[in-house]
Amino acid sequence: MKHYSITLFILLFSARCVWAQPGHAGKLFIIGGGARPDALVERLIAEAGLRQGGYALVLPMSSAEPDSAVYYVKTQLVKLGVPHVYGINFIKGEAPTPARLDSVRRANLIYISGGDQNRFMDVVRGTEIEKAILDARNRGAVVSGTSAGAAVMSKVMITGNELKHPDYASTFRNIEAENIETKPGLGLMQQTIVDQHFVRRSRYNRLISAVIEFPQLTGIGIDEATAILVDGNTFEVVGESQVVVLENPKKSKSLRNGKLGAKDLRLTILLPGEVYRFK
């Protein structure tokens, strides 16, 4: 594969650039991983206003192969008619330049790649990079991510690790106490906890554990080739599959021999085009 540099040459001098406008927080477009159907990405392009100008910025720090992560996103967006797509691979411990931070703040679309959400947050947590992403969203940019890039949207982020079972499995084998590992995410969604590849990988036990351990949060499981478009206190399902919402309205929790129990959990399964309003 041809090597692609992921240094951003920002188009500050282009009359075609249309910066996201301040005054209204931008939407979130959170993809559950897997394939990105063209129709789903077309909706992302429309929501970010990229047909009217501006640029998309890919942040590939989740990926073990950041150049490839930028390449595949850029290829799809260019194929769909978006000419200005760039990438910045910030390195852990390196001080970001003011120009690169400004590039993040001024993007119309920030896209966070898949990979390992811990790797991404280890680079950005508590840095000016994290602040620049939040600033961009606050001034109207759309922030999107897939798989690991979906997990980082939450304030309470699922890491993917089990504390009691260190050998990796794609789903939890049990619903048990003090097993789900979480760390701080970007906090773009304060009252939710996001899971991905949800139906395809049967991650129900993980999200059930999460809403029992964190009953104040709404659990959102997004399947592959599917996204939620978050605007204020609602989201719309976009794509090909389902989104599962789990809630613990009574903050129920019981414990016996390390196993978790709860009563009257609320389960909602949403199809493409359906809208959910947060309580």
C-alpha atoms as a PDB file:
ATOM      1  CA  MET A   1       0.000   0.000   0.000  1.00  0.00           C
ATOM      2  CA  LYS A   2       1.254   3.429  -0.817  1.00  0.00           C
ATOM      3  CA  HIS A   3       2.357   5.308   2.301  1.00  0.00           C
ATOM      4  CA  TYR A   4       0.247   8.367   2.985  1.00  0.00           C
ATOM      5  CA  SER A   5       1.544  11.157   5.166  1.00  0.00           C
ATOM      6  CA  ILE A   6      -0.929  12.203   7.807  1.00  0.00           C
ATOM      7  CA  THR A   7       0.366  15.699   8.306  1.00  0.00           C
ATOM      8  CA  LEU A   8      -2.443  18.170   7.771  1.00  0.00           C
ATOM      9  CA  PHE A   9      -1.858  20.988   5.309  1.00  0.00           C
ATOM     10  CA  ILE A  10      -4.797  23.101   6.376  1.00  0.00           C
ATOM     11  CA  LEU A  11      -6.594  25.218   3.808  1.00  0.00           C
ATOM     12  CA  LEU A  12      -6.658  28.428   5.790  1.00  0.00           C
ATOM     13  CA  PHE A  13      -6.365  30.410   2.576  1.00  0.00           C
ATOM     14  CA  SER A  14      -9.071  28.664   0.577  1.00  0.00           C
ATOM     15  CA  ALA A  15     -12.238  30.621  -0.093  1.00  0.00           C
ATOM     16  CA  ARG A  16     -14.102  27.325  -0.252  1.00  0.00           C
ATOM     17  CA  CYS A  17     -13.549  26.565   3.428  1.00  0.00           C
ATOM     18  CA  VAL A  18     -16.629  27.055   5.550  1.00  0.00           C
ATOM     19  CA  TRP A  19     -15.838  26.831   9.249  1.00  0.00           C
ATOM     20  CA  ALA A  20     -18.322  25.319  11.674  1.00  0.00           C
ATOM     21  CA  GLN A  21     -20.162  28.211  13.251  1.00  0.00           C
ATOM     22  CA  PRO A  22     -20.133  28.960  16.982  1.00  0.00           C
ATOM     23  CA  GLY A  23     -23.263  29.192  19.068  1.00  0.00           C
ATOM     24  CA  HIS A  24     -24.703  25.709  18.702  1.00  0.00           C
ATOM     25  CA  ALA A  25     -23.002  22.491  19.774  1.00  0.00           C
ATOM     26  CA  GLY A  26     -22.313  20.217  16.851  1.00  0.00           C
ATOM     27  CA  LYS A  27     -23.940  16.838  16.384  1.00  0.00           C
ATOM     28  CA  LEU A  28     -22.356  13.469  17.117  1.00  0.00           C
ATOM     29  CA  PHE A  29     -22.355  10.688  14.539  1.00  0.00           C
ATOM     30  CA  ILE A  30     -21.395   7.512  16.393  1.00  0.00           C
ATOM     31  CA  ILE A  31     -20.836   4.361  14.313  1.00  0.00           C
ATOM     32  CA  GLY A  32     -20.901   0.894  15.843  1.00  0.00           C
ATOM     33  CA  GLY A  33     -17.992  -0.453  13.798  1.00  0.00           C
ATOM     34  CA  GLY A  34     -17.783  -2.844  10.888  1.00  0.00           C
ATOM     35  CA  ALA A  35     -18.584  -1.709   7.358  1.00  0.00           C
ATOM     36  CA  ARG A  36     -19.390   1.912   6.577  1.00  0.00           C
ATOM     37  CA  PRO A  37     -22.098   1.752   3.904  1.00  0.00           C
ATOM     38  CA  ASP A  38     -21.987   4.622   1.439  1.00  0.00           C
ATOM     39  CA  ALA A  39     -25.513   5.679   2.383  1.00  0.00           C
ATOM     40  CA  LEU A  40     -24.462   6.017   6.021  1.00  0.00           C
ATOM     41  CA  VAL A  41     -21.389   8.086   5.114  1.00  0.00           C
ATOM     42  CA  GLU A  42     -23.479  10.247   2.764  1.00  0.00           C
ATOM     43  CA  ARG A  43     -25.619  11.167   5.767  1.00  0.00           C
ATOM     44  CA  LEU A  44     -22.479  12.008   7.751  1.00  0.00           C
ATOM     45  CA  ILE A  45     -21.267  14.252   4.916  1.00  0.00           C
ATOM     46  CA  ALA A  46     -24.614  16.043   4.800  1.00  0.00           C
ATOM     47  CA  GLU A  47     -24.747  16.618   8.541  1.00  0.00           C
ATOM     48  CA  ALA A  48     -21.202  18.049   8.532  1.00  0.00           C
ATOM     49  CA  GLY A  49     -22.026  20.379   5.641  1.00  0.00           C
ATOM     50  CA  LEU A  50     -19.038  19.178   3.646  1.00  0.00           C
ATOM     51  CA  ARG A  51     -20.860  19.715   0.341  1.00  0.00           C
ATOM     52  CA  GLN A  52     -20.737  23.430   1.099  1.00  0.00           C
ATOM     53  CA  GLY A  53     -17.002  23.472   1.824  1.00  0.00           C
ATOM     54  CA  GLY A  54     -14.730  23.046   4.781  1.00  0.00           C
ATOM     55  CA  TYR A  55     -12.772  19.911   5.541  1.00  0.00           C
ATOM     56  CA  ALA A  56     -12.837  16.607   7.371  1.00  0.00           C
ATOM     57  CA  LEU A  57     -10.097  15.694   9.835  1.00  0.00           C
ATOM     58  CA  VAL A  58      -9.319  12.073  10.727  1.00  0.00           C
ATOM     59  CA  LEU A  59      -7.744  11.369  14.118  1.00  0.00           C
ATOM     60  CA  PRO A  60      -6.265   7.845  13.845  1.00  0.00           C
ATOM     61  CA  MET A  61      -4.635   7.485  17.261  1.00  0.00           C
ATOM     62  CA  SER A  62      -6.789   4.463  18.171  1.00  0.00           C
ATOM     63  CA  SER A  63      -5.287   2.503  15.310  1.00  0.00           C
ATOM     64  CA  ALA A  64      -2.082   0.479  15.331  1.00  0.00           C
ATOM     65  CA  GLU A  65      -1.728   1.530  11.668  1.00  0.00           C
ATOM     66  CA  PRO A  66      -2.670   5.223  11.652  1.00  0.00           C
ATOM     67  CA  ASP A  67      -1.672   5.871   8.029  1.00  0.00           C
ATOM     68  CA  SER A  68      -3.985   3.092   6.876  1.00  0.00           C
ATOM     69  CA  ALA A  69      -6.811   4.377   9.081  1.00  0.00           C
ATOM     70  CA  VAL A  70      -6.587   7.796   7.430  1.00  0.00           C
ATOM     71  CA  TYR A  71      -6.238   6.285   3.957  1.00  0.00           C
ATOM     72  CA  TYR A  72      -9.437   4.227   4.089  1.00  0.00           C
ATOM     73  CA  VAL A  73     -11.590   7.015   5.506  1.00  0.00           C
ATOM     74  CA  LYS A  74     -10.151   9.517   3.052  1.00  0.00           C
ATOM     75  CA  THR A  75     -10.659   7.167   0.103  1.00  0.00           C
ATOM     76  CA  GLN A  76     -14.348   6.716   0.886  1.00  0.00           C
ATOM     77  CA  LEU A  77     -15.010  10.393   1.499  1.00  0.00           C
ATOM     78  CA  VAL A  78     -13.191  11.459  -1.678  1.00  0.00           C
ATOM     79  CA  LYS A  79     -15.098   8.851  -3.677  1.00  0.00           C
ATOM     80  CA  LEU A  80     -18.314  10.388  -2.351  1.00  0.00           C
ATOM     81  CA  GLY A  81     -17.265  13.856  -3.441  1.00  0.00           C
ATOM     82  CA  VAL A  82     -15.493  15.365  -0.419  1.00  0.00           C
ATOM     83  CA  PRO A  83     -12.194  16.800  -1.705  1.00  0.00           C
ATOM     84  CA  HIS A  84     -10.644  18.044   1.529  1.00  0.00           C
ATOM     85  CA  VAL A  85      -9.866  15.204   3.935  1.00  0.00           C
ATOM     86  CA  TYR A  86      -6.781  15.236   6.137  1.00  0.00           C
ATOM     87  CA  GLY A  87      -5.311  13.415   9.086  1.00  0.00           C
ATOM     88  CA  ILE A  88      -3.246  14.220  12.133  1.00  0.00           C
ATOM     89  CA  ASN A  89      -1.642  11.464  14.163  1.00  0.00           C
ATOM     90  CA  PHE A  90      -0.836  13.088  17.489  1.00  0.00           C
ATOM     91  CA  ILE A  91       1.880  11.238  19.413  1.00  0.00           C
ATOM     92  CA  LYS A  92       1.671  10.561  23.127  1.00  0.00           C
ATOM     93  CA  GLY A  93       3.898  12.917  25.093  1.00  0.00           C
ATOM     94  CA  GLU A  94       4.660  15.216  22.166  1.00  0.00           C
ATOM     95  CA  ALA A  95       3.510  18.806  22.565  1.00  0.00           C
ATOM     96  CA  PRO A  96       1.081  19.579  19.713  1.00  0.00           C
ATOM     97  CA  THR A  97       1.847  22.684  17.697  1.00  0.00           C
ATOM     98  CA  PRO A  98      -0.616  25.583  17.781  1.00  0.00           C
ATOM     99  CA  ALA A  99      -1.228  25.110  14.045  1.00  0.00           C
ATOM    100  CA  ARG A 100      -2.291  21.489  14.514  1.00  0.00           C
ATOM    101  CA  LEU A 101      -4.563  22.349  17.421  1.00  0.00           C
ATOM    102  CA  ASP A 102      -6.124  25.094  15.321  1.00  0.00           C
ATOM    103  CA  SER A 103      -6.665  22.540  12.566  1.00  0.00           C
ATOM    104  CA  VAL A 104      -8.701  20.438  14.991  1.00  0.00           C
ATOM    105  CA  ARG A 105     -10.747  23.394  16.218  1.00  0.00           C
ATOM    106  CA  ARG A 106     -11.648  24.561  12.701  1.00  0.00           C
ATOM    107  CA  ALA A 107     -12.649  21.225  11.175  1.00  0.00           C
ATOM    108  CA  ASN A 108     -16.223  20.737  10.010  1.00  0.00           C
ATOM    109  CA  LEU A 109     -15.964  17.025  10.719  1.00  0.00           C
ATOM    110  CA  ILE A 110     -13.693  15.266  13.212  1.00  0.00           C
ATOM    111  CA  TYR A 111     -13.590  11.517  12.609  1.00  0.00           C
ATOM    112  CA  ILE A 112     -12.037   9.194  15.214  1.00  0.00           C
ATOM    113  CA  SER A 113     -10.923   5.858  13.797  1.00  0.00           C
ATOM    114  CA  GLY A 114     -11.391   2.379  15.173  1.00  0.00           C
ATOM    115  CA  GLY A 115      -8.742   0.384  16.979  1.00  0.00           C
ATOM    116  CA  ASP A 116      -8.195   0.616  20.737  1.00  0.00           C
ATOM    117  CA  GLN A 117     -10.016   3.308  22.675  1.00  0.00           C
ATOM    118  CA  ASN A 118      -7.406   3.141  25.437  1.00  0.00           C
ATOM    119  CA  ARG A 119      -4.686   4.003  22.934  1.00  0.00           C
ATOM    120  CA  PHE A 120      -6.631   7.062  21.779  1.00  0.00           C
ATOM    121  CA  MET A 121      -7.406   8.364  25.253  1.00  0.00           C
ATOM    122  CA  ASP A 122      -3.830   7.758  26.437  1.00  0.00           C
ATOM    123  CA  VAL A 123      -2.763  10.282  23.785  1.00  0.00           C
ATOM    124  CA  VAL A 124      -5.440  12.950  24.309  1.00  0.00           C
ATOM    125  CA  ARG A 125      -6.670  12.699  27.906  1.00  0.00           C
ATOM    126  CA  GLY A 126      -6.048  15.919  29.803  1.00  0.00           C
ATOM    127  CA  THR A 127      -4.235  17.580  26.882  1.00  0.00           C
ATOM    128  CA  GLU A 128      -4.818  20.541  24.611  1.00  0.00           C
ATOM    129  CA  ILE A 129      -5.820  18.009  21.949  1.00  0.00           C
ATOM    130  CA  GLU A 130      -8.812  16.928  24.010  1.00  0.00           C
ATOM    131  CA  LYS A 131      -9.721  20.552  24.615  1.00  0.00           C
ATOM    132  CA  ALA A 132      -9.482  21.310  20.893  1.00  0.00           C
ATOM    133  CA  ILE A 133     -11.895  18.471  20.080  1.00  0.00           C
ATOM    134  CA  LEU A 134     -14.380  19.802  22.641  1.00  0.00           C
ATOM    135  CA  ASP A 135     -13.914  23.341  21.314  1.00  0.00           C
ATOM    136  CA  ALA A 136     -14.626  22.149  17.764  1.00  0.00           C
ATOM    137  CA  ARG A 137     -17.832  20.441  18.851  1.00  0.00           C
ATOM    138  CA  ASN A 138     -18.904  23.512  20.836  1.00  0.00           C
ATOM    139  CA  ARG A 139     -18.481  25.730  17.792  1.00  0.00           C
ATOM    140  CA  GLY A 140     -20.636  23.455  15.648  1.00  0.00           C
ATOM    141  CA  ALA A 141     -18.396  20.727  14.215  1.00  0.00           C
ATOM    142  CA  VAL A 142     -19.739  17.203  13.835  1.00  0.00           C
ATOM    143  CA  VAL A 143     -17.695  14.700  15.842  1.00  0.00           C
ATOM    144  CA  SER A 144     -17.838  11.138  14.575  1.00  0.00           C
ATOM    145  CA  GLY A 145     -16.133   7.873  15.410  1.00  0.00           C
ATOM    146  CA  THR A 146     -16.382   4.179  14.739  1.00  0.00           C
ATOM    147  CA  SER A 147     -15.818   1.201  17.036  1.00  0.00           C
ATOM    148  CA  ALA A 148     -13.128   2.466  19.453  1.00  0.00           C
ATOM    149  CA  GLY A 149     -14.006   5.935  18.178  1.00  0.00           C
ATOM    150  CA  ALA A 150     -17.553   5.301  19.387  1.00  0.00           C
ATOM    151  CA  ALA A 151     -16.496   4.148  22.844  1.00  0.00           C
ATOM    152  CA  VAL A 152     -14.530   7.353  23.522  1.00  0.00           C
ATOM    153  CA  MET A 153     -17.654   9.498  23.163  1.00  0.00           C
ATOM    154  CA  SER A 154     -18.865   8.618  26.663  1.00  0.00           C
ATOM    155  CA  LYS A 155     -17.731  10.263  29.877  1.00  0.00           C
ATOM    156  CA  VAL A 156     -17.574   6.758  31.376  1.00  0.00           C
ATOM    157  CA  MET A 157     -15.802   4.719  28.692  1.00  0.00           C
ATOM    158  CA  ILE A 158     -15.872   0.946  28.357  1.00  0.00           C
ATOM    159  CA  THR A 159     -12.250  -0.103  27.811  1.00  0.00           C
ATOM    160  CA  GLY A 160     -13.030  -3.563  26.449  1.00  0.00           C
ATOM    161  CA  ASN A 161     -11.183  -5.293  29.301  1.00  0.00           C
ATOM    162  CA  GLU A 162     -12.603  -7.549  32.011  1.00  0.00           C
ATOM    163  CA  LEU A 163     -11.058  -7.051  35.427  1.00  0.00           C
ATOM    164  CA  LYS A 164     -11.747 -10.623  36.562  1.00  0.00           C
ATOM    165  CA  HIS A 165     -10.964 -12.373  33.267  1.00  0.00           C
ATOM    166  CA  PRO A 166      -7.823 -10.940  31.661  1.00  0.00           C
ATOM    167  CA  ASP A 167      -7.962 -13.180  28.593  1.00  0.00           C
ATOM    168  CA  TYR A 168      -9.742 -11.167  25.899  1.00  0.00           C
ATOM    169  CA  ALA A 169     -13.195 -12.252  24.765  1.00  0.00           C
ATOM    170  CA  SER A 170     -15.423 -10.304  22.376  1.00  0.00           C
ATOM    171  CA  THR A 171     -18.259 -10.429  24.902  1.00  0.00           C
ATOM    172  CA  PHE A 172     -18.611 -10.950  28.641  1.00  0.00           C
ATOM    173  CA  ARG A 173     -19.264 -14.537  29.677  1.00  0.00           C
ATOM    174  CA  ASN A 174     -20.991 -13.486  32.905  1.00  0.00           C
ATOM    175  CA  ILE A 175     -22.941 -10.672  34.514  1.00  0.00           C
ATOM    176  CA  GLU A 176     -20.868 -10.106  37.620  1.00  0.00           C
ATOM    177  CA  ALA A 177     -19.802  -7.367  39.949  1.00  0.00           C
ATOM    178  CA  GLU A 178     -16.583  -5.361  39.672  1.00  0.00           C
ATOM    179  CA  ASN A 179     -15.658  -6.916  36.344  1.00  0.00           C
ATOM    180  CA  ILE A 180     -16.265  -4.171  33.792  1.00  0.00           C
ATOM    181  CA  GLU A 181     -13.277  -1.866  33.398  1.00  0.00           C
ATOM    182  CA  THR A 182     -14.007   1.773  32.613  1.00  0.00           C
ATOM    183  CA  LYS A 183     -11.870   4.874  32.171  1.00  0.00           C
ATOM    184  CA  PRO A 184     -12.675   8.505  31.384  1.00  0.00           C
ATOM    185  CA  GLY A 185     -13.607   9.149  27.758  1.00  0.00           C
ATOM    186  CA  LEU A 186     -14.070  12.448  25.961  1.00  0.00           C
ATOM    187  CA  GLY A 187     -17.353  13.114  27.752  1.00  0.00           C
ATOM    188  CA  LEU A 188     -19.214  14.243  24.634  1.00  0.00           C
ATOM    189  CA  MET A 189     -22.090  12.154  26.004  1.00  0.00           C
ATOM    190  CA  GLN A 190     -22.306  12.743  29.740  1.00  0.00           C
ATOM    191  CA  GLN A 191     -25.218  10.511  30.732  1.00  0.00           C
ATOM    192  CA  THR A 192     -24.623   7.478  28.532  1.00  0.00           C
ATOM    193  CA  ILE A 193     -22.219   4.610  28.144  1.00  0.00           C
ATOM    194  CA  VAL A 194     -21.651   3.481  24.555  1.00  0.00           C
ATOM    195  CA  ASP A 195     -20.905  -0.042  23.332  1.00  0.00           C
ATOM    196  CA  GLN A 196     -20.212  -1.096  19.745  1.00  0.00           C
ATOM    197  CA  HIS A 197     -20.321  -4.124  17.380  1.00  0.00           C
ATOM    198  CA  PHE A 198     -23.261  -4.773  19.649  1.00  0.00           C
ATOM    199  CA  VAL A 199     -25.661  -7.235  18.061  1.00  0.00           C
ATOM    200  CA  ARG A 200     -23.015  -8.891  15.888  1.00  0.00           C
ATOM    201  CA  ARG A 201     -20.802  -9.703  18.876  1.00  0.00           C
ATOM    202  CA  SER A 202     -23.601 -10.299  21.427  1.00  0.00           C
ATOM    203  CA  ARG A 203     -22.317  -7.761  23.905  1.00  0.00           C
ATOM    204  CA  TYR A 204     -25.478  -7.805  26.005  1.00  0.00           C
ATOM    205  CA  ASN A 205     -23.800  -9.102  29.174  1.00  0.00           C
ATOM    206  CA  ARG A 206     -21.314  -6.230  29.048  1.00  0.00           C
ATOM    207  CA  LEU A 207     -23.914  -3.502  28.705  1.00  0.00           C
ATOM    208  CA  ILE A 208     -26.234  -5.111  31.277  1.00  0.00           C
ATOM    209  CA  SER A 209     -23.297  -5.147  33.701  1.00  0.00           C
ATOM    210  CA  ALA A 210     -22.622  -1.489  32.910  1.00  0.00           C
ATOM    211  CA  VAL A 211     -26.132  -0.209  33.623  1.00  0.00           C
ATOM    212  CA  ILE A 212     -26.282  -2.141  36.891  1.00  0.00           C
ATOM    213  CA  GLU A 213     -22.880  -0.876  38.019  1.00  0.00           C
ATOM    214  CA  PHE A 214     -23.595   2.653  36.687  1.00  0.00           C
ATOM    215  CA  PRO A 215     -27.390   2.964  37.079  1.00  0.00           C
ATOM    216  CA  GLN A 216     -27.374   6.708  36.424  1.00  0.00           C
ATOM    217  CA  LEU A 217     -26.225   6.065  32.847  1.00  0.00           C
ATOM    218  CA  THR A 218     -28.194   4.982  29.790  1.00  0.00           C
ATOM    219  CA  GLY A 219     -26.518   2.122  27.949  1.00  0.00           C
ATOM    220  CA  ILE A 220     -26.447   2.398  24.150  1.00  0.00           C
ATOM    221  CA  GLY A 221     -25.343  -0.611  22.107  1.00  0.00           C
ATOM    222  CA  ILE A 222     -24.779   0.238  18.443  1.00  0.00           C
ATOM    223  CA  ASP A 223     -24.540  -2.563  15.909  1.00  0.00           C
ATOM    224  CA  GLU A 224     -22.158  -2.710  12.963  1.00  0.00           C
ATOM    225  CA  ALA A 225     -22.869  -0.674   9.804  1.00  0.00           C
ATOM    226  CA  THR A 226     -25.143   1.460  11.996  1.00  0.00           C
ATOM    227  CA  ALA A 227     -24.837   4.836  13.701  1.00  0.00           C
ATOM    228  CA  ILE A 228     -26.666   7.149  16.035  1.00  0.00           C
ATOM    229  CA  LEU A 229     -26.958  10.796  15.061  1.00  0.00           C
ATOM    230  CA  VAL A 230     -27.060  12.711  18.339  1.00  0.00           C
ATOM    231  CA  ASP A 231     -28.604  16.177  18.311  1.00  0.00           C
ATOM    232  CA  GLY A 232     -29.281  17.685  21.725  1.00  0.00           C
ATOM    233  CA  ASN A 233     -31.277  15.231  23.830  1.00  0.00           C
ATOM    234  CA  THR A 234     -32.346  12.963  20.959  1.00  0.00           C
ATOM    235  CA  PHE A 235     -30.693  10.570  18.582  1.00  0.00           C
ATOM    236  CA  GLU A 236     -31.755   9.015  15.286  1.00  0.00           C
ATOM    237  CA  VAL A 237     -30.688   5.563  14.129  1.00  0.00           C
ATOM    238  CA  VAL A 238     -28.902   5.644  10.760  1.00  0.00           C
ATOM    239  CA  GLY A 239     -27.653   2.680   8.744  1.00  0.00           C
ATOM    240  CA  GLU A 240     -28.547  -0.967   8.320  1.00  0.00           C
ATOM    241  CA  SER A 241     -29.073  -2.611  11.719  1.00  0.00           C
ATOM    242  CA  GLN A 242     -30.301  -1.932  15.251  1.00  0.00           C
ATOM    243  CA  VAL A 243     -29.433   0.105  18.313  1.00  0.00           C
ATOM    244  CA  VAL A 244     -30.185  -1.364  21.731  1.00  0.00           C
ATOM    245  CA  VAL A 245     -30.914   0.980  24.641  1.00  0.00           C
ATOM    246  CA  LEU A 246     -30.684  -0.360  28.199  1.00  0.00           C
ATOM    247  CA  GLU A 247     -31.827   1.640  31.216  1.00  0.00           C
ATOM    248  CA  ASN A 248     -31.981   1.002  34.944  1.00  0.00           C
ATOM    249  CA  PRO A 249     -34.678   3.510  35.938  1.00  0.00           C
ATOM    250  CA  LYS A 250     -35.059   2.175  39.490  1.00  0.00           C
ATOM    251  CA  LYS A 251     -31.280   2.003  40.002  1.00  0.00           C
ATOM    252  CA  SER A 252     -31.774  -1.610  40.941  1.00  0.00           C
ATOM    253  CA  LYS A 253     -28.801  -3.705  41.997  1.00  0.00           C
ATOM    254  CA  SER A 254     -28.435  -6.925  43.971  1.00  0.00           C
ATOM    255  CA  LEU A 255     -25.431  -9.126  44.530  1.00  0.00           C
ATOM    256  CA  ARG A 256     -24.961 -12.785  45.394  1.00  0.00           C
ATOM    257  CA  ASN A 257     -21.739 -14.758  45.152  1.00  0.00           C
ATOM    258  CA  GLY A 258     -20.289 -12.100  42.905  1.00  0.00           C
ATOM    259  CA  LYS A 259     -23.142 -12.253  40.399  1.00  0.00           C
ATOM    260  CA  LEU A 260     -25.194  -9.134  39.664  1.00  0.00           C
ATOM    261  CA  GLY A 261     -28.953  -8.960  39.718  1.00  0.00           C
ATOM    262  CA  ALA A 262     -31.428  -6.184  38.946  1.00  0.00           C
ATOM    263  CA  LYS A 263     -35.166  -5.745  38.497  1.00  0.00           C
ATOM    264  CA  ASP A 264     -37.226  -3.877  35.942  1.00  0.00           C
ATOM    265  CA  LEU A 265     -34.449  -2.954  33.559  1.00  0.00           C
ATOM    266  CA  ARG A 266     -35.840  -1.263  30.452  1.00  0.00           C
ATOM    267  CA  LEU A 267     -34.868  -2.589  27.022  1.00  0.00           C
ATOM    268  CA  THR A 268     -35.548  -0.731  23.763  1.00  0.00           C
ATOM    269  CA  ILE A 269     -34.531  -1.959  20.313  1.00  0.00           C
ATOM    270  CA  LEU A 270     -34.499   0.746  17.661  1.00  0.00           C
ATOM    271  CA  LEU A 271     -34.511   0.327  13.895  1.00  0.00           C
ATOM    272  CA  PRO A 272     -33.097   2.667  11.228  1.00  0.00           C
ATOM    273  CA  GLY A 273     -35.045   5.922  11.083  1.00  0.00           C
ATOM    274  CA  GLU A 274     -36.380   5.656  14.623  1.00  0.00           C
ATOM    275  CA  VAL A 275     -35.652   8.391  17.160  1.00  0.00           C
ATOM    276  CA  TYR A 276     -34.907   8.090  20.871  1.00  0.00           C
ATOM    277  CA  ARG A 277     -35.313  10.937  23.335  1.00  0.00           C
ATOM    278  CA  PHE A 278     -33.258  10.891  26.531  1.00  0.00           C
ATOM    279  CA  LYS A 279     -35.351  11.111  29.684  1.00  0.00           C
END
